[in-house]
Amino acid sequence: MARVSSTFPRSRKSRLGYDTDEVEEFLEDARRAYTAAPGAGTLISADAIRDTAFTMRKGGYSPAHVDAALERLEDAFATRERERVIAEAGDQVWYAQARGSAQAILDRIVRPRGKRFRRISILSLGYSVQDVDALTDRVAQYFQNGKPLSIEEVRTVAFRSQRGGYLEAQVDILLDAVTRVMLAVR
């Protein structure tokens, strides 16, 4: 039986939105995970929240509203995860891990423009090399020189398509890593 809920605004009945039951179930799982005792095994983490996807259904929840809530939830889980690691291992361990991750990101993005990620076949569409290189230049400036770059900019970036562009999966993995490091050092 479908739940009746008004957690988020709904899309028009003729427009696609996120499946309401899936969203409600995920939010309930997240609530249980967040309130679980330290050390309790949970399947929900900041990374899992970032990777969450819902089925699209006509009249479902507004994707923009759910996505904004997921970003806040990811932030809360990342903060809690950081606090737990710092309490158990100390802040030096936490920041050493973040520095190591940042260095791994930098090692990739300081490669020459056009060669930072694997390129796909000229017959297929990938991310625009120019767009990705422009963003990764900004990420490098953020890590190396403290130039302003927000998590929101990284989370919401949209690249144009290009034949023979960068492999999308590789770029997406790097963007997730950048988000993870930015949340770690907040």
N, C-alpha and C. Protein backbone atom coordinates (compact mmCIF):
# COMPACT_ATOMS: atom_id res chain seq x y z
N MET A 1 0.85 -1.19 0.00
CA MET A 1 0.00 0.00 0.00
C MET A 1 0.89 1.24 0.00
N ALA A 2 0.61 2.17 -0.86
CA ALA A 2 1.41 3.39 -0.97
C ALA A 2 1.16 4.28 0.24
N ARG A 3 2.22 4.89 0.70
CA ARG A 3 2.12 5.81 1.83
C ARG A 3 1.61 7.16 1.35
N VAL A 4 0.90 7.82 2.21
CA VAL A 4 0.47 9.17 1.91
C VAL A 4 1.40 10.09 2.71
N SER A 5 2.11 10.94 2.00
CA SER A 5 3.07 11.79 2.68
C SER A 5 3.20 13.13 1.98
N SER A 6 3.59 14.09 2.74
CA SER A 6 3.84 15.41 2.16
C SER A 6 5.20 15.91 2.63
N THR A 7 6.18 14.99 2.70
CA THR A 7 7.52 15.36 3.13
C THR A 7 8.11 16.42 2.21
N PHE A 8 7.88 16.28 0.92
CA PHE A 8 8.38 17.20 -0.09
C PHE A 8 7.26 17.58 -1.04
N PRO A 9 7.39 18.71 -1.70
CA PRO A 9 6.40 19.04 -2.74
C PRO A 9 6.45 17.99 -3.84
N ARG A 10 5.33 17.79 -4.47
CA ARG A 10 5.25 16.82 -5.56
C ARG A 10 5.32 17.51 -6.91
N SER A 11 5.81 16.75 -7.87
CA SER A 11 5.78 17.21 -9.26
C SER A 11 4.32 17.14 -9.72
N ARG A 12 4.02 17.85 -10.78
CA ARG A 12 2.67 17.74 -11.36
C ARG A 12 2.44 16.29 -11.76
N LYS A 13 1.19 15.88 -11.78
CA LYS A 13 0.86 14.49 -12.10
C LYS A 13 1.40 14.07 -13.47
N SER A 14 1.58 15.01 -14.37
CA SER A 14 2.09 14.68 -15.71
C SER A 14 3.61 14.74 -15.80
N ARG A 15 4.28 15.16 -14.74
CA ARG A 15 5.74 15.30 -14.75
C ARG A 15 6.38 14.26 -13.85
N LEU A 16 7.62 13.92 -14.19
CA LEU A 16 8.34 12.93 -13.42
C LEU A 16 8.93 13.53 -12.15
N GLY A 17 8.88 12.75 -11.11
CA GLY A 17 9.51 13.09 -9.84
C GLY A 17 10.03 11.80 -9.22
N TYR A 18 10.63 11.90 -8.06
CA TYR A 18 11.17 10.73 -7.39
C TYR A 18 10.05 9.91 -6.74
N ASP A 19 10.15 8.60 -6.85
CA ASP A 19 9.19 7.69 -6.26
C ASP A 19 9.06 7.99 -4.77
N THR A 20 7.85 8.34 -4.34
CA THR A 20 7.64 8.79 -2.96
C THR A 20 7.94 7.69 -1.94
N ASP A 21 7.53 6.46 -2.24
CA ASP A 21 7.78 5.37 -1.28
C ASP A 21 9.28 5.12 -1.12
N GLU A 22 10.02 5.16 -2.22
CA GLU A 22 11.48 4.96 -2.14
C GLU A 22 12.14 6.06 -1.32
N VAL A 23 11.73 7.29 -1.54
CA VAL A 23 12.30 8.42 -0.80
C VAL A 23 11.99 8.27 0.68
N GLU A 24 10.73 8.00 1.01
CA GLU A 24 10.34 7.86 2.42
C GLU A 24 11.09 6.71 3.09
N GLU A 25 11.23 5.59 2.39
CA GLU A 25 11.95 4.44 2.96
C GLU A 25 13.42 4.79 3.19
N PHE A 26 14.03 5.48 2.22
CA PHE A 26 15.43 5.87 2.37
C PHE A 26 15.59 6.82 3.56
N LEU A 27 14.71 7.79 3.68
CA LEU A 27 14.81 8.75 4.78
C LEU A 27 14.64 8.06 6.14
N GLU A 28 13.77 7.08 6.21
CA GLU A 28 13.59 6.33 7.46
C GLU A 28 14.87 5.54 7.77
N ASP A 29 15.46 4.89 6.77
CA ASP A 29 16.72 4.17 6.97
C ASP A 29 17.82 5.12 7.41
N ALA A 30 17.86 6.30 6.81
CA ALA A 30 18.88 7.29 7.17
C ALA A 30 18.69 7.77 8.61
N ARG A 31 17.45 7.98 9.01
CA ARG A 31 17.18 8.40 10.38
C ARG A 31 17.66 7.34 11.37
N ARG A 32 17.35 6.08 11.09
CA ARG A 32 17.80 4.99 11.97
C ARG A 32 19.33 4.92 12.00
N ALA A 33 19.96 5.08 10.86
CA ALA A 33 21.43 5.01 10.80
C ALA A 33 22.06 6.17 11.57
N TYR A 34 21.48 7.35 11.44
CA TYR A 34 22.05 8.52 12.10
C TYR A 34 21.94 8.44 13.61
N THR A 35 20.86 7.85 14.09
CA THR A 35 20.65 7.77 15.53
C THR A 35 21.23 6.49 16.14
N ALA A 36 21.80 5.62 15.31
CA ALA A 36 22.39 4.38 15.81
C ALA A 36 23.60 4.68 16.69
N ALA A 37 23.85 3.80 17.61
CA ALA A 37 25.00 3.95 18.51
C ALA A 37 26.30 3.87 17.72
N PRO A 38 27.34 4.58 18.18
CA PRO A 38 28.64 4.48 17.51
C PRO A 38 29.09 3.02 17.44
N GLY A 39 29.62 2.63 16.29
CA GLY A 39 30.09 1.27 16.10
C GLY A 39 29.03 0.32 15.57
N ALA A 40 27.76 0.75 15.60
CA ALA A 40 26.69 -0.09 15.04
C ALA A 40 26.84 -0.11 13.53
N GLY A 41 26.80 -1.26 12.97
CA GLY A 41 26.95 -1.37 11.51
C GLY A 41 25.74 -0.81 10.80
N THR A 42 25.95 0.21 10.00
CA THR A 42 24.86 0.77 9.21
C THR A 42 25.29 0.81 7.75
N LEU A 43 24.33 0.76 6.87
CA LEU A 43 24.62 0.78 5.44
C LEU A 43 24.61 2.19 4.88
N ILE A 44 24.23 3.15 5.70
CA ILE A 44 24.11 4.51 5.20
C ILE A 44 25.27 5.34 5.72
N SER A 45 25.94 6.01 4.79
CA SER A 45 27.06 6.89 5.09
C SER A 45 26.94 8.10 4.18
N ALA A 46 27.80 9.06 4.37
CA ALA A 46 27.79 10.23 3.48
C ALA A 46 28.00 9.79 2.04
N ASP A 47 28.90 8.84 1.82
CA ASP A 47 29.15 8.34 0.45
C ASP A 47 27.90 7.67 -0.11
N ALA A 48 27.23 6.86 0.71
CA ALA A 48 26.02 6.18 0.24
C ALA A 48 24.93 7.18 -0.12
N ILE A 49 24.82 8.23 0.65
CA ILE A 49 23.82 9.25 0.37
C ILE A 49 24.13 9.92 -0.97
N ARG A 50 25.42 10.22 -1.21
CA ARG A 50 25.82 10.86 -2.47
C ARG A 50 25.48 9.97 -3.66
N ASP A 51 25.53 8.65 -3.47
CA ASP A 51 25.28 7.70 -4.57
C ASP A 51 23.83 7.28 -4.70
N THR A 52 22.95 7.81 -3.86
CA THR A 52 21.56 7.39 -3.86
C THR A 52 20.83 7.87 -5.11
N ALA A 53 20.01 6.98 -5.65
CA ALA A 53 19.18 7.31 -6.81
C ALA A 53 17.80 6.73 -6.58
N PHE A 54 16.80 7.38 -7.11
CA PHE A 54 15.42 6.94 -6.95
C PHE A 54 14.79 6.75 -8.32
N THR A 55 13.82 5.86 -8.38
CA THR A 55 13.04 5.65 -9.59
C THR A 55 12.20 6.90 -9.86
N MET A 56 12.08 7.23 -11.12
CA MET A 56 11.26 8.38 -11.50
C MET A 56 9.82 7.91 -11.76
N ARG A 57 8.87 8.64 -11.19
CA ARG A 57 7.44 8.33 -11.34
C ARG A 57 6.68 9.64 -11.57
N LYS A 58 5.65 9.57 -12.39
CA LYS A 58 4.80 10.74 -12.58
C LYS A 58 4.16 11.13 -11.26
N GLY A 59 4.22 12.43 -10.95
CA GLY A 59 3.62 12.93 -9.73
C GLY A 59 4.44 12.65 -8.48
N GLY A 60 5.67 12.22 -8.65
CA GLY A 60 6.53 11.92 -7.51
C GLY A 60 7.04 13.19 -6.85
N TYR A 61 7.93 13.01 -5.89
CA TYR A 61 8.49 14.15 -5.19
C TYR A 61 9.36 14.99 -6.13
N SER A 62 9.34 16.28 -5.90
CA SER A 62 10.14 17.23 -6.67
C SER A 62 11.63 16.88 -6.53
N PRO A 63 12.31 16.54 -7.63
CA PRO A 63 13.73 16.20 -7.53
C PRO A 63 14.59 17.31 -6.92
N ALA A 64 14.31 18.55 -7.24
CA ALA A 64 15.12 19.64 -6.70
C ALA A 64 15.03 19.69 -5.17
N HIS A 65 13.83 19.49 -4.63
CA HIS A 65 13.66 19.54 -3.18
C HIS A 65 14.31 18.34 -2.50
N VAL A 66 14.15 17.15 -3.08
CA VAL A 66 14.75 15.95 -2.50
C VAL A 66 16.27 16.05 -2.58
N ASP A 67 16.79 16.47 -3.73
CA ASP A 67 18.25 16.59 -3.89
C ASP A 67 18.84 17.57 -2.87
N ALA A 68 18.16 18.68 -2.64
CA ALA A 68 18.65 19.65 -1.65
C ALA A 68 18.67 19.02 -0.25
N ALA A 69 17.63 18.25 0.07
CA ALA A 69 17.58 17.58 1.37
C ALA A 69 18.69 16.53 1.48
N LEU A 70 18.95 15.81 0.40
CA LEU A 70 20.01 14.80 0.41
C LEU A 70 21.38 15.45 0.61
N GLU A 71 21.59 16.62 0.04
CA GLU A 71 22.86 17.32 0.25
C GLU A 71 23.02 17.71 1.72
N ARG A 72 21.96 18.19 2.34
CA ARG A 72 22.02 18.52 3.78
C ARG A 72 22.26 17.27 4.61
N LEU A 73 21.60 16.18 4.23
CA LEU A 73 21.78 14.92 4.94
C LEU A 73 23.21 14.40 4.77
N GLU A 74 23.74 14.50 3.58
CA GLU A 74 25.14 14.10 3.35
C GLU A 74 26.08 14.92 4.23
N ASP A 75 25.84 16.21 4.30
CA ASP A 75 26.67 17.08 5.15
C ASP A 75 26.60 16.64 6.61
N ALA A 76 25.41 16.32 7.09
CA ALA A 76 25.24 15.91 8.49
C ALA A 76 25.96 14.58 8.75
N PHE A 77 25.83 13.63 7.84
CA PHE A 77 26.51 12.35 8.01
C PHE A 77 28.03 12.52 7.94
N ALA A 78 28.50 13.35 7.03
CA ALA A 78 29.95 13.58 6.91
C ALA A 78 30.50 14.21 8.18
N THR A 79 29.77 15.15 8.75
CA THR A 79 30.20 15.79 9.99
C THR A 79 30.25 14.76 11.12
N ARG A 80 29.23 13.95 11.20
CA ARG A 80 29.19 12.93 12.25
C ARG A 80 30.32 11.91 12.06
N GLU A 81 30.55 11.48 10.84
CA GLU A 81 31.63 10.53 10.57
C GLU A 81 32.98 11.13 10.95
N ARG A 82 33.18 12.39 10.61
CA ARG A 82 34.43 13.07 10.97
C ARG A 82 34.59 13.13 12.49
N GLU A 83 33.53 13.51 13.20
CA GLU A 83 33.59 13.60 14.66
C GLU A 83 33.91 12.25 15.29
N ARG A 84 33.35 11.18 14.74
CA ARG A 84 33.61 9.84 15.30
C ARG A 84 35.06 9.43 15.08
N VAL A 85 35.58 9.66 13.89
CA VAL A 85 36.98 9.28 13.63
C VAL A 85 37.92 10.12 14.50
N ILE A 86 37.65 11.40 14.62
CA ILE A 86 38.49 12.27 15.45
C ILE A 86 38.44 11.81 16.91
N ALA A 87 37.26 11.44 17.39
CA ALA A 87 37.13 10.97 18.78
C ALA A 87 37.89 9.67 19.00
N GLU A 88 37.89 8.80 17.99
CA GLU A 88 38.54 7.49 18.14
C GLU A 88 40.04 7.53 17.84
N ALA A 89 40.43 8.28 16.80
CA ALA A 89 41.83 8.23 16.34
C ALA A 89 42.56 9.56 16.45
N GLY A 90 41.83 10.64 16.64
CA GLY A 90 42.45 11.95 16.75
C GLY A 90 42.37 12.73 15.44
N ASP A 91 42.42 14.04 15.58
CA ASP A 91 42.28 14.87 14.38
C ASP A 91 43.48 14.77 13.44
N GLN A 92 44.65 14.42 13.97
CA GLN A 92 45.81 14.27 13.09
C GLN A 92 45.59 13.15 12.08
N VAL A 93 44.99 12.06 12.51
CA VAL A 93 44.70 10.93 11.62
C VAL A 93 43.68 11.36 10.57
N TRP A 94 42.63 12.04 11.02
CA TRP A 94 41.58 12.47 10.10
C TRP A 94 42.15 13.39 9.01
N TYR A 95 42.89 14.40 9.43
CA TYR A 95 43.42 15.36 8.45
C TYR A 95 44.51 14.74 7.59
N ALA A 96 45.25 13.77 8.11
CA ALA A 96 46.25 13.07 7.28
C ALA A 96 45.54 12.29 6.18
N GLN A 97 44.43 11.66 6.50
CA GLN A 97 43.65 10.95 5.47
C GLN A 97 43.13 11.92 4.42
N ALA A 98 42.62 13.06 4.86
CA ALA A 98 42.10 14.06 3.93
C ALA A 98 43.22 14.60 3.04
N ARG A 99 44.40 14.86 3.63
CA ARG A 99 45.54 15.33 2.82
C ARG A 99 45.96 14.29 1.80
N GLY A 100 45.96 13.02 2.20
CA GLY A 100 46.31 11.95 1.27
C GLY A 100 45.33 11.88 0.11
N SER A 101 44.05 12.01 0.40
CA SER A 101 43.03 12.00 -0.65
C SER A 101 43.19 13.21 -1.57
N ALA A 102 43.43 14.37 -0.97
CA ALA A 102 43.62 15.59 -1.77
C ALA A 102 44.83 15.44 -2.69
N GLN A 103 45.90 14.84 -2.19
CA GLN A 103 47.08 14.65 -3.02
C GLN A 103 46.80 13.70 -4.18
N ALA A 104 46.04 12.64 -3.93
CA ALA A 104 45.68 11.71 -5.01
C ALA A 104 44.86 12.42 -6.09
N ILE A 105 43.97 13.30 -5.66
CA ILE A 105 43.17 14.09 -6.61
C ILE A 105 44.10 14.99 -7.42
N LEU A 106 44.97 15.70 -6.72
CA LEU A 106 45.90 16.62 -7.40
C LEU A 106 46.79 15.88 -8.40
N ASP A 107 47.24 14.70 -8.03
CA ASP A 107 48.11 13.94 -8.93
C ASP A 107 47.43 13.70 -10.28
N ARG A 108 46.12 13.53 -10.27
CA ARG A 108 45.40 13.32 -11.52
C ARG A 108 45.14 14.63 -12.24
N ILE A 109 44.72 15.65 -11.53
CA ILE A 109 44.24 16.86 -12.21
C ILE A 109 45.35 17.83 -12.61
N VAL A 110 46.57 17.56 -12.20
CA VAL A 110 47.66 18.42 -12.69
C VAL A 110 48.29 17.84 -13.96
N ARG A 111 47.72 16.76 -14.44
CA ARG A 111 48.16 16.21 -15.73
C ARG A 111 47.87 17.26 -16.81
N PRO A 112 48.49 17.12 -17.96
CA PRO A 112 48.23 18.09 -19.04
C PRO A 112 46.75 18.12 -19.43
N ARG A 113 46.29 19.32 -19.81
CA ARG A 113 44.91 19.46 -20.28
C ARG A 113 44.67 18.47 -21.42
N GLY A 114 43.49 17.88 -21.41
CA GLY A 114 43.13 16.91 -22.45
C GLY A 114 43.59 15.50 -22.14
N LYS A 115 44.37 15.34 -21.07
CA LYS A 115 44.90 14.02 -20.73
C LYS A 115 44.67 13.66 -19.27
N ARG A 116 43.70 14.29 -18.66
CA ARG A 116 43.46 14.08 -17.23
C ARG A 116 42.62 12.83 -16.94
N PHE A 117 41.85 12.43 -17.93
CA PHE A 117 40.99 11.25 -17.79
C PHE A 117 41.04 10.47 -19.10
N ARG A 118 40.56 9.24 -19.03
CA ARG A 118 40.51 8.42 -20.23
C ARG A 118 39.49 9.01 -21.20
N ARG A 119 39.85 9.03 -22.48
CA ARG A 119 38.95 9.52 -23.53
C ARG A 119 38.17 8.34 -24.10
N ILE A 120 36.95 8.60 -24.51
CA ILE A 120 36.15 7.55 -25.12
C ILE A 120 36.24 7.64 -26.63
N SER A 121 35.66 6.68 -27.30
CA SER A 121 35.68 6.62 -28.76
C SER A 121 35.08 7.89 -29.36
N ILE A 122 35.61 8.29 -30.48
CA ILE A 122 35.10 9.47 -31.19
C ILE A 122 33.65 9.26 -31.63
N LEU A 123 33.19 8.02 -31.61
CA LEU A 123 31.81 7.72 -32.00
C LEU A 123 30.84 7.82 -30.82
N SER A 124 31.37 8.01 -29.62
CA SER A 124 30.54 8.07 -28.42
C SER A 124 30.63 9.44 -27.76
N LEU A 125 29.63 9.74 -26.96
CA LEU A 125 29.60 11.00 -26.24
C LEU A 125 30.15 10.82 -24.83
N GLY A 126 30.97 11.77 -24.42
CA GLY A 126 31.48 11.83 -23.07
C GLY A 126 31.38 13.25 -22.59
N TYR A 127 32.02 13.54 -21.46
CA TYR A 127 32.02 14.90 -20.95
C TYR A 127 32.97 15.76 -21.77
N SER A 128 32.59 17.00 -21.96
CA SER A 128 33.42 17.97 -22.67
C SER A 128 34.79 18.09 -21.99
N VAL A 129 35.83 17.86 -22.76
CA VAL A 129 37.19 17.94 -22.23
C VAL A 129 37.46 19.36 -21.72
N GLN A 130 37.04 20.35 -22.48
CA GLN A 130 37.26 21.74 -22.10
C GLN A 130 36.55 22.08 -20.78
N ASP A 131 35.31 21.64 -20.63
CA ASP A 131 34.54 21.92 -19.41
C ASP A 131 35.17 21.24 -18.19
N VAL A 132 35.52 19.97 -18.35
CA VAL A 132 36.09 19.22 -17.23
C VAL A 132 37.45 19.81 -16.84
N ASP A 133 38.28 20.11 -17.84
CA ASP A 133 39.59 20.69 -17.54
C ASP A 133 39.45 22.04 -16.83
N ALA A 134 38.45 22.83 -17.22
CA ALA A 134 38.24 24.12 -16.56
C ALA A 134 37.88 23.92 -15.09
N LEU A 135 36.99 22.97 -14.81
CA LEU A 135 36.63 22.73 -13.41
C LEU A 135 37.82 22.14 -12.65
N THR A 136 38.53 21.20 -13.23
CA THR A 136 39.64 20.59 -12.50
C THR A 136 40.76 21.61 -12.27
N ASP A 137 40.92 22.59 -13.14
CA ASP A 137 41.86 23.68 -12.88
C ASP A 137 41.44 24.44 -11.62
N ARG A 138 40.14 24.68 -11.48
CA ARG A 138 39.62 25.38 -10.29
C ARG A 138 39.82 24.53 -9.03
N VAL A 139 39.62 23.21 -9.17
CA VAL A 139 39.83 22.32 -8.02
C VAL A 139 41.30 22.36 -7.61
N ALA A 140 42.19 22.33 -8.58
CA ALA A 140 43.62 22.39 -8.27
C ALA A 140 43.96 23.69 -7.54
N GLN A 141 43.40 24.80 -8.00
CA GLN A 141 43.63 26.09 -7.33
C GLN A 141 43.06 26.08 -5.91
N TYR A 142 41.94 25.43 -5.72
CA TYR A 142 41.34 25.32 -4.39
C TYR A 142 42.29 24.58 -3.45
N PHE A 143 42.79 23.42 -3.89
CA PHE A 143 43.66 22.61 -3.04
C PHE A 143 45.04 23.22 -2.87
N GLN A 144 45.59 23.81 -3.91
CA GLN A 144 46.95 24.32 -3.84
C GLN A 144 47.05 25.71 -3.24
N ASN A 145 46.08 26.57 -3.55
CA ASN A 145 46.19 27.98 -3.17
C ASN A 145 45.02 28.51 -2.35
N GLY A 146 44.06 27.64 -2.03
CA GLY A 146 42.92 28.09 -1.24
C GLY A 146 41.95 28.98 -1.99
N LYS A 147 41.98 28.92 -3.32
CA LYS A 147 41.03 29.73 -4.11
C LYS A 147 39.61 29.26 -3.83
N PRO A 148 38.65 30.17 -3.76
CA PRO A 148 37.27 29.80 -3.43
C PRO A 148 36.67 28.81 -4.43
N LEU A 149 36.04 27.80 -3.86
CA LEU A 149 35.27 26.81 -4.62
C LEU A 149 34.33 26.17 -3.60
N SER A 150 33.05 26.15 -3.91
CA SER A 150 32.10 25.61 -2.95
C SER A 150 31.76 24.16 -3.28
N ILE A 151 31.34 23.46 -2.25
CA ILE A 151 30.88 22.08 -2.45
C ILE A 151 29.71 22.08 -3.41
N GLU A 152 28.86 23.06 -3.30
CA GLU A 152 27.69 23.17 -4.18
C GLU A 152 28.11 23.24 -5.65
N GLU A 153 29.17 23.99 -5.93
CA GLU A 153 29.64 24.08 -7.32
C GLU A 153 30.10 22.71 -7.83
N VAL A 154 30.75 21.95 -6.98
CA VAL A 154 31.24 20.62 -7.39
C VAL A 154 30.06 19.67 -7.54
N ARG A 155 29.13 19.71 -6.60
CA ARG A 155 27.98 18.80 -6.63
C ARG A 155 27.07 19.03 -7.83
N THR A 156 26.92 20.28 -8.24
CA THR A 156 25.91 20.60 -9.25
C THR A 156 26.49 20.90 -10.63
N VAL A 157 27.78 20.70 -10.80
CA VAL A 157 28.38 21.00 -12.10
C VAL A 157 27.72 20.16 -13.19
N ALA A 158 27.53 20.77 -14.33
CA ALA A 158 26.97 20.06 -15.50
C ALA A 158 27.91 20.31 -16.67
N PHE A 159 28.40 19.24 -17.25
CA PHE A 159 29.32 19.35 -18.38
C PHE A 159 28.56 19.13 -19.68
N ARG A 160 28.98 19.85 -20.69
CA ARG A 160 28.43 19.60 -22.02
C ARG A 160 28.92 18.24 -22.51
N SER A 161 28.21 17.68 -23.48
CA SER A 161 28.63 16.42 -24.10
C SER A 161 29.58 16.71 -25.25
N GLN A 162 30.44 15.75 -25.52
CA GLN A 162 31.39 15.89 -26.62
C GLN A 162 31.73 14.50 -27.15
N ARG A 163 31.77 14.37 -28.45
CA ARG A 163 32.22 13.11 -29.05
C ARG A 163 33.71 12.95 -28.72
N GLY A 164 34.06 11.77 -28.25
CA GLY A 164 35.46 11.54 -27.91
C GLY A 164 35.88 12.25 -26.63
N GLY A 165 34.92 12.64 -25.83
CA GLY A 165 35.22 13.35 -24.58
C GLY A 165 35.76 12.43 -23.51
N TYR A 166 35.80 12.97 -22.31
CA TYR A 166 36.28 12.19 -21.17
C TYR A 166 35.24 11.14 -20.77
N LEU A 167 35.73 10.02 -20.25
CA LEU A 167 34.89 8.96 -19.73
C LEU A 167 34.15 9.50 -18.50
N GLU A 168 32.83 9.51 -18.58
CA GLU A 168 32.02 10.13 -17.53
C GLU A 168 32.24 9.49 -16.16
N ALA A 169 32.32 8.17 -16.11
CA ALA A 169 32.46 7.47 -14.82
C ALA A 169 33.73 7.90 -14.09
N GLN A 170 34.83 8.06 -14.81
CA GLN A 170 36.08 8.49 -14.17
C GLN A 170 35.95 9.89 -13.60
N VAL A 171 35.36 10.79 -14.35
CA VAL A 171 35.18 12.17 -13.88
C VAL A 171 34.26 12.19 -12.66
N ASP A 172 33.17 11.43 -12.72
CA ASP A 172 32.23 11.40 -11.60
C ASP A 172 32.88 10.88 -10.33
N ILE A 173 33.73 9.86 -10.44
CA ILE A 173 34.43 9.32 -9.27
C ILE A 173 35.33 10.39 -8.67
N LEU A 174 36.03 11.13 -9.52
CA LEU A 174 36.89 12.19 -9.01
C LEU A 174 36.07 13.28 -8.32
N LEU A 175 34.94 13.66 -8.89
CA LEU A 175 34.10 14.69 -8.28
C LEU A 175 33.59 14.22 -6.92
N ASP A 176 33.25 12.94 -6.80
CA ASP A 176 32.85 12.41 -5.49
C ASP A 176 33.99 12.51 -4.50
N ALA A 177 35.20 12.21 -4.94
CA ALA A 177 36.37 12.30 -4.06
C ALA A 177 36.62 13.75 -3.63
N VAL A 178 36.46 14.67 -4.55
CA VAL A 178 36.64 16.09 -4.22
C VAL A 178 35.61 16.50 -3.16
N THR A 179 34.37 16.11 -3.36
CA THR A 179 33.31 16.42 -2.39
C THR A 179 33.65 15.83 -1.03
N ARG A 180 34.11 14.59 -1.02
CA ARG A 180 34.47 13.93 0.23
C ARG A 180 35.56 14.70 0.97
N VAL A 181 36.59 15.13 0.25
CA VAL A 181 37.68 15.89 0.90
C VAL A 181 37.19 17.24 1.38
N MET A 182 36.38 17.92 0.58
CA MET A 182 35.87 19.22 1.00
C MET A 182 35.02 19.10 2.25
N LEU A 183 34.22 18.04 2.34
CA LEU A 183 33.42 17.82 3.55
C LEU A 183 34.31 17.49 4.74
N ALA A 184 35.39 16.80 4.49
CA ALA A 184 36.31 16.38 5.57
C ALA A 184 36.99 17.56 6.24
N VAL A 185 37.26 18.59 5.49
CA VAL A 185 38.05 19.70 6.04
C VAL A 185 37.20 20.93 6.35
N ARG A 186 35.93 20.80 6.26
CA ARG A 186 35.01 21.91 6.55
C ARG A 186 35.21 22.45 7.92
